[in-house]
Amino acid sequence: MQAFVFDQYKRPVHEANIPEPTVGDRDVLIRVEAAGLNHLDERLRAGEFKAILPYRTPLTLGHDLAGTVIRTGANVTRFTTGDRVYARPRDFRIGTFAERIAVDETDVAPAPTSISTVEAASLPLVALTAWQALVEKGNVQPGQKVLIHAGAGGVGSIAIQLAKHLGAQVATTVSGKNADFVRELGADVVIDYRTQDFETELSGYDFVLDPLGGDNLAKSLKVLKRGGKAVGISGPPTPEFAKAAGLNPVLRLAITALSRKTRALAKGLGVSYEFLLMHASGEQLRQVAELVDGGVIRPVVGATFSFDQTVQALATLGTSSVRGKIVVTGPTTA
């Protein structure tokens, strides 16, 4: 079957003919009808996550999919042939930039019924990231003040909607041209990062979701009230994450050193910082689908490309001003 792979880290992505997936007893074989692009795809290719996610090459990229079940393993109980589904396959089983993929059934959920296949494919990774940040780690409660950076992006656009559903007062940072857009998503306070400094404009926040890292994360810690929490998805990873991930002792020491400054700043401010590398969850995607079909969350697809344009689509990551997500339509799109 056709897929898009890279042969070595930092080498270009290209189309290739690869073997058909092996379908395990608890796997569903899915015809990929649309696949969402994520910055993680490019960061993996560039080798940025090699220490945490040591993939062997050649590797088929792609973390999001929507499509149709075409075969089930012997012990699958949740799905049957013909089911329309969406998923974020677990780490080390990615590869949605392909015609077909085998996915553990616990990573899969029925696709929302009120949106298109393309829109469904845009959701899994970013919706799971928002859910795990705001619900699992943040335990965001009604009335709390939440800051979500990059509100017009893939994660931010979903996180704003989820935070509002949870009853939070939401602030976000965007460029001025996206101010009205994020207000439509539910943002109460909008900061134009090009003309305003959120560190001086905001204070007393309960929770921050930061996809940017670096100086932005350091400044974010300072807008939290005592006892508040920041969750970062770009890093730095923390010793707690390294231990939970079962990383080797050398890596754990390196990660401890890498995050020392951030952890010390948080401690001095009386706040906390956690690193999030989202995990696959079909159960959480079922809950997301309910919110989508209930009108609480709407996907944001800023651009689509055909399957044979996957390389060009990946090249736009980080270089375009697309709102929300970029999606590649599969060779067969419903």
Protein backbone atom coordinates (compact mmCIF):
# COMPACT_ATOMS: atom_id res chain seq x y z
CA MET A 1 0.00 0.00 0.00
CA GLN A 2 1.04 3.64 -0.41
CA ALA A 3 2.27 5.68 2.55
CA PHE A 4 4.43 8.67 3.42
CA VAL A 5 7.63 7.86 5.30
CA PHE A 6 11.04 9.18 6.20
CA ASP A 7 14.07 6.88 5.97
CA GLN A 8 16.31 8.57 8.55
CA TYR A 9 15.87 11.37 11.06
CA LYS A 10 16.08 14.82 9.45
CA ARG A 11 15.69 13.30 5.98
CA PRO A 12 12.76 14.32 3.76
CA VAL A 13 9.36 12.64 3.85
CA HIS A 14 8.52 10.80 0.64
CA GLU A 15 5.88 8.49 -0.77
CA ALA A 16 6.67 4.78 -0.60
CA ASN A 17 5.10 1.39 -1.11
CA ILE A 18 5.05 -0.40 2.25
CA PRO A 19 3.72 -3.78 3.47
CA GLU A 20 0.09 -4.13 4.50
CA PRO A 21 -0.48 -3.75 8.28
CA THR A 22 -0.41 -6.81 10.51
CA VAL A 23 -3.75 -7.06 12.32
CA GLY A 24 -3.45 -8.34 15.88
CA ASP A 25 -6.20 -10.08 17.84
CA ARG A 26 -7.28 -6.80 19.47
CA ASP A 27 -6.74 -4.59 16.43
CA VAL A 28 -9.10 -3.05 13.94
CA LEU A 29 -7.91 -2.50 10.38
CA ILE A 30 -9.06 0.94 9.25
CA ARG A 31 -9.24 2.41 5.77
CA VAL A 32 -7.84 5.92 6.29
CA GLU A 33 -10.18 8.42 4.65
CA ALA A 34 -8.63 11.53 6.22
CA ALA A 35 -5.60 12.21 8.41
CA GLY A 36 -4.87 15.28 10.50
CA LEU A 37 -1.43 16.88 10.53
CA ASN A 38 0.26 17.85 13.79
CA HIS A 39 3.45 19.68 14.69
CA LEU A 40 4.48 16.43 16.39
CA ASP A 41 4.86 14.86 12.94
CA GLU A 42 7.52 17.35 11.90
CA ARG A 43 9.18 17.37 15.31
CA LEU A 44 9.48 13.58 15.20
CA ARG A 45 11.07 13.69 11.75
CA ALA A 46 13.50 16.36 12.95
CA GLY A 47 14.57 14.11 15.81
CA GLU A 48 13.38 16.42 18.59
CA PHE A 49 11.61 13.58 20.45
CA LYS A 50 14.15 10.87 19.67
CA ALA A 51 15.17 10.47 23.33
CA ILE A 52 11.56 10.14 24.54
CA LEU A 53 10.10 8.36 21.51
CA PRO A 54 12.96 6.36 19.95
CA TYR A 55 11.28 5.25 16.73
CA ARG A 56 13.10 3.01 14.32
CA THR A 57 13.32 4.18 10.73
CA PRO A 58 11.99 4.05 8.11
CA LEU A 59 8.85 5.41 9.78
CA THR A 60 5.38 6.18 8.44
CA LEU A 61 4.20 9.44 9.96
CA GLY A 62 0.69 10.51 10.99
CA HIS A 63 -1.07 10.59 14.36
CA ASP A 64 -4.74 11.32 13.51
CA LEU A 65 -7.28 9.49 11.39
CA ALA A 66 -10.90 9.13 10.49
CA GLY A 67 -12.12 6.26 8.38
CA THR A 68 -13.96 2.96 8.14
CA VAL A 69 -13.26 -0.38 9.81
CA ILE A 70 -12.60 -2.98 7.11
CA ARG A 71 -11.47 -5.91 9.28
CA THR A 72 -11.34 -6.84 12.96
CA GLY A 73 -9.03 -9.03 15.01
CA ALA A 74 -10.27 -12.24 16.61
CA ASN A 75 -10.76 -10.70 20.08
CA VAL A 76 -12.22 -7.32 19.10
CA THR A 77 -15.54 -6.66 20.85
CA ARG A 78 -16.20 -2.95 20.35
CA PHE A 79 -16.24 -2.59 16.56
CA THR A 80 -17.37 -4.37 13.45
CA THR A 81 -16.68 -4.06 9.74
CA GLY A 82 -18.25 -0.91 8.30
CA ASP A 83 -18.07 1.17 11.49
CA ARG A 84 -17.08 4.79 10.95
CA VAL A 85 -14.37 5.65 13.47
CA TYR A 86 -11.68 8.12 14.45
CA ALA A 87 -8.51 7.61 16.45
CA ARG A 88 -5.08 8.70 17.60
CA PRO A 89 -3.07 5.46 17.47
CA ARG A 90 -0.80 4.96 20.46
CA ASP A 91 2.88 5.81 20.33
CA PHE A 92 5.02 3.32 18.40
CA ARG A 93 1.96 2.35 16.35
CA ILE A 94 1.45 5.61 14.48
CA GLY A 95 1.33 5.84 10.69
CA THR A 96 -1.91 7.39 9.52
CA PHE A 97 -0.36 8.89 6.36
CA ALA A 98 -1.13 5.60 4.66
CA GLU A 99 -4.00 3.88 2.90
CA ARG A 100 -4.68 1.55 5.84
CA ILE A 101 -3.58 1.15 9.45
CA ALA A 102 -4.15 -1.41 12.21
CA VAL A 103 -5.04 0.21 15.55
CA ASP A 104 -5.66 -1.29 18.99
CA GLU A 105 -9.42 -1.14 19.55
CA THR A 106 -8.97 0.70 22.87
CA ASP A 107 -7.47 3.66 20.97
CA VAL A 108 -10.49 3.93 18.64
CA ALA A 109 -13.92 5.54 19.04
CA PRO A 110 -17.01 5.92 16.87
CA ALA A 111 -16.62 9.12 14.87
CA PRO A 112 -18.94 12.02 15.70
CA THR A 113 -22.03 11.79 13.51
CA SER A 114 -22.66 15.50 13.08
CA ILE A 115 -19.44 16.42 11.26
CA SER A 116 -17.58 15.36 8.14
CA THR A 117 -14.83 12.76 7.90
CA VAL A 118 -12.28 15.55 7.33
CA GLU A 119 -13.44 17.39 10.44
CA ALA A 120 -13.34 14.19 12.50
CA ALA A 121 -9.75 13.55 11.38
CA SER A 122 -8.71 16.96 12.67
CA LEU A 123 -9.68 16.18 16.26
CA PRO A 124 -8.02 13.19 17.96
CA LEU A 125 -4.56 14.43 19.00
CA VAL A 126 -5.56 18.02 19.78
CA ALA A 127 -8.79 17.08 21.53
CA LEU A 128 -7.02 14.46 23.66
CA THR A 129 -4.30 17.01 24.49
CA ALA A 130 -6.87 19.58 25.57
CA TRP A 131 -8.82 16.99 27.58
CA GLN A 132 -5.78 15.60 29.35
CA ALA A 133 -4.46 19.08 30.15
CA LEU A 134 -7.69 20.67 31.34
CA VAL A 135 -9.54 17.69 32.85
CA GLU A 136 -6.88 15.19 33.93
CA LYS A 137 -4.03 17.46 34.98
CA GLY A 138 -5.78 20.78 35.50
CA ASN A 139 -9.05 19.61 37.07
CA VAL A 140 -10.49 22.91 35.83
CA GLN A 141 -13.58 23.95 37.76
CA PRO A 142 -16.41 26.44 37.09
CA GLY A 143 -15.38 30.02 37.74
CA GLN A 144 -11.64 29.41 37.48
CA LYS A 145 -9.46 31.62 35.31
CA VAL A 146 -7.70 29.76 32.51
CA LEU A 147 -5.09 31.07 30.05
CA ILE A 148 -4.68 29.17 26.77
CA HIS A 149 -1.84 30.27 24.53
CA ALA A 150 -2.02 30.15 20.74
CA GLY A 151 -5.80 30.07 20.80
CA ALA A 152 -6.20 29.97 17.01
CA GLY A 153 -4.05 26.84 16.67
CA GLY A 154 -5.02 23.20 16.64
CA VAL A 155 -4.82 22.60 20.40
CA GLY A 156 -5.82 26.12 21.41
CA SER A 157 -9.00 26.27 19.34
CA ILE A 158 -10.31 23.07 20.96
CA ALA A 159 -9.01 23.93 24.45
CA ILE A 160 -10.88 27.25 24.49
CA GLN A 161 -14.16 25.49 23.76
CA LEU A 162 -13.54 22.74 26.31
CA ALA A 163 -12.53 25.22 29.02
CA LYS A 164 -15.71 27.22 28.44
CA HIS A 165 -17.74 24.00 28.69
CA LEU A 166 -16.06 23.35 32.04
CA GLY A 167 -17.24 26.77 33.22
CA ALA A 168 -13.93 28.62 33.18
CA GLN A 169 -13.23 32.24 32.37
CA VAL A 170 -10.87 31.95 29.40
CA ALA A 171 -8.08 34.23 28.23
CA THR A 172 -6.02 33.50 25.14
CA THR A 173 -3.12 34.90 23.12
CA VAL A 174 -3.38 35.30 19.35
CA SER A 175 -2.40 37.71 16.60
CA GLY A 176 -4.82 40.60 16.19
CA LYS A 177 -6.35 39.21 13.01
CA ASN A 178 -7.57 36.17 14.93
CA ALA A 179 -9.15 38.09 17.82
CA ASP A 180 -12.73 37.86 16.57
CA PHE A 181 -12.26 34.21 15.67
CA VAL A 182 -11.24 33.17 19.20
CA ARG A 183 -14.02 35.28 20.71
CA GLU A 184 -16.44 33.25 18.59
CA LEU A 185 -14.92 30.12 20.11
CA GLY A 186 -15.69 31.50 23.58
CA ALA A 187 -12.61 33.43 24.72
CA ASP A 188 -13.48 36.10 27.30
CA VAL A 189 -10.14 37.93 27.26
CA VAL A 190 -8.05 38.20 24.09
CA ILE A 191 -4.42 39.31 24.13
CA ASP A 192 -2.72 40.34 20.88
CA TYR A 193 0.76 38.94 21.47
CA ARG A 194 2.22 41.31 18.87
CA THR A 195 1.14 44.48 20.66
CA GLN A 196 0.41 43.39 24.24
CA ASP A 197 2.41 41.64 26.96
CA PHE A 198 0.20 39.03 28.61
CA GLU A 199 2.48 38.99 31.68
CA THR A 200 1.55 42.59 32.49
CA GLU A 201 -2.08 42.32 31.37
CA LEU A 202 -3.06 39.16 33.27
CA SER A 203 -2.77 37.97 36.87
CA GLY A 204 -4.39 35.62 39.36
CA TYR A 205 -4.92 32.72 36.94
CA ASP A 206 -5.66 29.19 38.13
CA PHE A 207 -4.36 27.33 35.10
CA VAL A 208 -2.25 27.90 31.97
CA LEU A 209 -1.96 25.65 28.93
CA ASP A 210 1.29 26.48 27.15
CA PRO A 211 2.15 24.90 23.78
CA LEU A 212 5.13 27.20 23.16
CA GLY A 213 7.66 26.65 25.95
CA GLY A 214 10.77 28.76 26.57
CA ASP A 215 10.28 32.34 27.69
CA ASN A 216 6.55 32.06 27.13
CA LEU A 217 6.35 29.32 29.75
CA ALA A 218 8.43 31.31 32.26
CA LYS A 219 6.16 34.32 31.85
CA SER A 220 3.11 32.09 32.12
CA LEU A 221 4.17 30.89 35.56
CA LYS A 222 4.13 34.50 36.72
CA VAL A 223 0.46 35.10 35.84
CA LEU A 224 -0.67 32.20 38.02
CA LYS A 225 -1.97 32.76 41.51
CA ARG A 226 -0.35 30.80 44.33
CA GLY A 227 -1.38 27.17 44.01
CA GLY A 228 -2.00 27.56 40.29
CA LYS A 229 -0.71 25.17 37.66
CA ALA A 230 0.85 25.42 34.21
CA VAL A 231 0.89 22.49 31.81
CA GLY A 232 3.39 22.56 28.97
CA ILE A 233 3.21 20.43 25.85
CA SER A 234 6.45 21.63 24.25
CA GLY A 235 8.59 21.06 27.31
CA PRO A 236 10.72 20.94 29.20
CA PRO A 237 9.91 17.40 30.38
CA THR A 238 10.03 16.90 34.16
CA PRO A 239 11.56 14.19 36.37
CA GLU A 240 8.03 13.01 37.19
CA PHE A 241 7.30 12.53 33.49
CA ALA A 242 10.63 10.74 32.93
CA LYS A 243 9.93 8.33 35.79
CA ALA A 244 6.38 7.60 34.67
CA ALA A 245 7.61 7.03 31.10
CA GLY A 246 10.19 4.51 32.32
CA LEU A 247 13.10 6.37 30.73
CA ASN A 248 16.62 5.18 31.47
CA PRO A 249 18.61 6.74 34.36
CA VAL A 250 20.88 8.79 32.08
CA LEU A 251 17.90 10.34 30.32
CA ARG A 252 16.19 10.98 33.64
CA LEU A 253 19.25 12.87 34.88
CA ALA A 254 19.36 14.92 31.69
CA ILE A 255 15.67 15.77 31.94
CA THR A 256 16.08 16.75 35.59
CA ALA A 257 18.81 19.19 34.57
CA LEU A 258 16.86 20.48 31.58
CA SER A 259 13.80 21.38 33.66
CA ARG A 260 15.58 22.56 36.81
CA LYS A 261 15.26 26.28 36.05
CA THR A 262 11.54 26.02 35.25
CA ARG A 263 10.80 23.91 38.33
CA ALA A 264 12.77 26.28 40.57
CA LEU A 265 10.91 29.30 39.21
CA ALA A 266 7.56 27.58 39.76
CA LYS A 267 8.49 26.60 43.31
CA GLY A 268 9.59 30.13 44.14
CA LEU A 269 6.28 31.50 42.87
CA GLY A 270 4.25 28.95 44.81
CA VAL A 271 2.85 27.37 41.64
CA SER A 272 3.36 24.06 39.86
CA TYR A 273 4.44 22.97 36.42
CA GLU A 274 3.75 19.67 34.63
CA PHE A 275 4.78 18.38 31.24
CA LEU A 276 2.17 16.61 29.10
CA LEU A 277 2.87 14.14 26.33
CA MET A 278 -0.65 13.11 25.48
CA HIS A 279 -1.64 9.44 25.38
CA ALA A 280 -4.10 7.57 23.19
CA SER A 281 -7.57 6.94 24.62
CA GLY A 282 -10.60 5.69 22.76
CA GLU A 283 -12.73 6.28 25.87
CA GLN A 284 -11.83 9.97 25.97
CA LEU A 285 -12.52 10.25 22.25
CA ARG A 286 -15.99 8.84 22.90
CA GLN A 287 -16.59 11.65 25.37
CA VAL A 288 -15.21 14.19 22.89
CA ALA A 289 -17.57 12.84 20.22
CA GLU A 290 -20.52 13.39 22.57
CA LEU A 291 -19.44 17.01 23.07
CA VAL A 292 -19.08 17.50 19.32
CA ASP A 293 -22.49 16.01 18.56
CA GLY A 294 -23.96 18.06 21.41
CA GLY A 295 -22.72 21.28 19.82
CA VAL A 296 -20.21 22.02 22.58
CA ILE A 297 -17.06 21.59 20.49
CA ARG A 298 -16.69 22.31 16.81
CA PRO A 299 -13.60 21.28 14.89
CA VAL A 300 -11.60 23.93 13.06
CA VAL A 301 -10.08 22.87 9.74
CA GLY A 302 -8.05 25.62 8.13
CA ALA A 303 -6.78 23.78 5.05
CA THR A 304 -7.03 20.44 3.27
CA PHE A 305 -4.66 18.66 0.90
CA SER A 306 -5.07 15.52 -1.17
CA PHE A 307 -3.19 12.35 -0.18
CA ASP A 308 -0.61 12.81 -2.93
CA GLN A 309 0.10 16.32 -1.57
CA THR A 310 1.07 15.07 1.90
CA VAL A 311 4.69 16.25 1.56
CA GLN A 312 3.54 19.76 0.61
CA ALA A 313 1.04 19.74 3.47
CA LEU A 314 3.74 18.84 6.01
CA ALA A 315 5.93 21.63 4.65
CA THR A 316 3.31 24.19 5.68
CA LEU A 317 3.45 23.22 9.37
CA GLY A 318 4.84 26.14 11.33
CA THR A 319 5.13 28.34 8.26
CA SER A 320 1.50 29.22 7.56
CA SER A 321 -1.14 31.16 9.43
CA VAL A 322 -3.77 28.46 9.08
CA ARG A 323 -6.43 28.48 11.80
CA GLY A 324 -6.99 25.17 13.50
CA LYS A 325 -5.83 22.04 11.72
CA ILE A 326 -4.53 20.94 8.32
CA VAL A 327 -6.03 17.67 7.06
CA VAL A 328 -4.96 15.32 4.29
CA THR A 329 -7.78 13.48 2.56
CA GLY A 330 -7.13 9.79 1.95
CA PRO A 331 -7.10 8.09 -1.44
CA THR A 332 -10.73 7.21 -0.66
CA THR A 333 -12.58 10.00 1.14
CA ALA A 334 -16.17 9.79 2.29
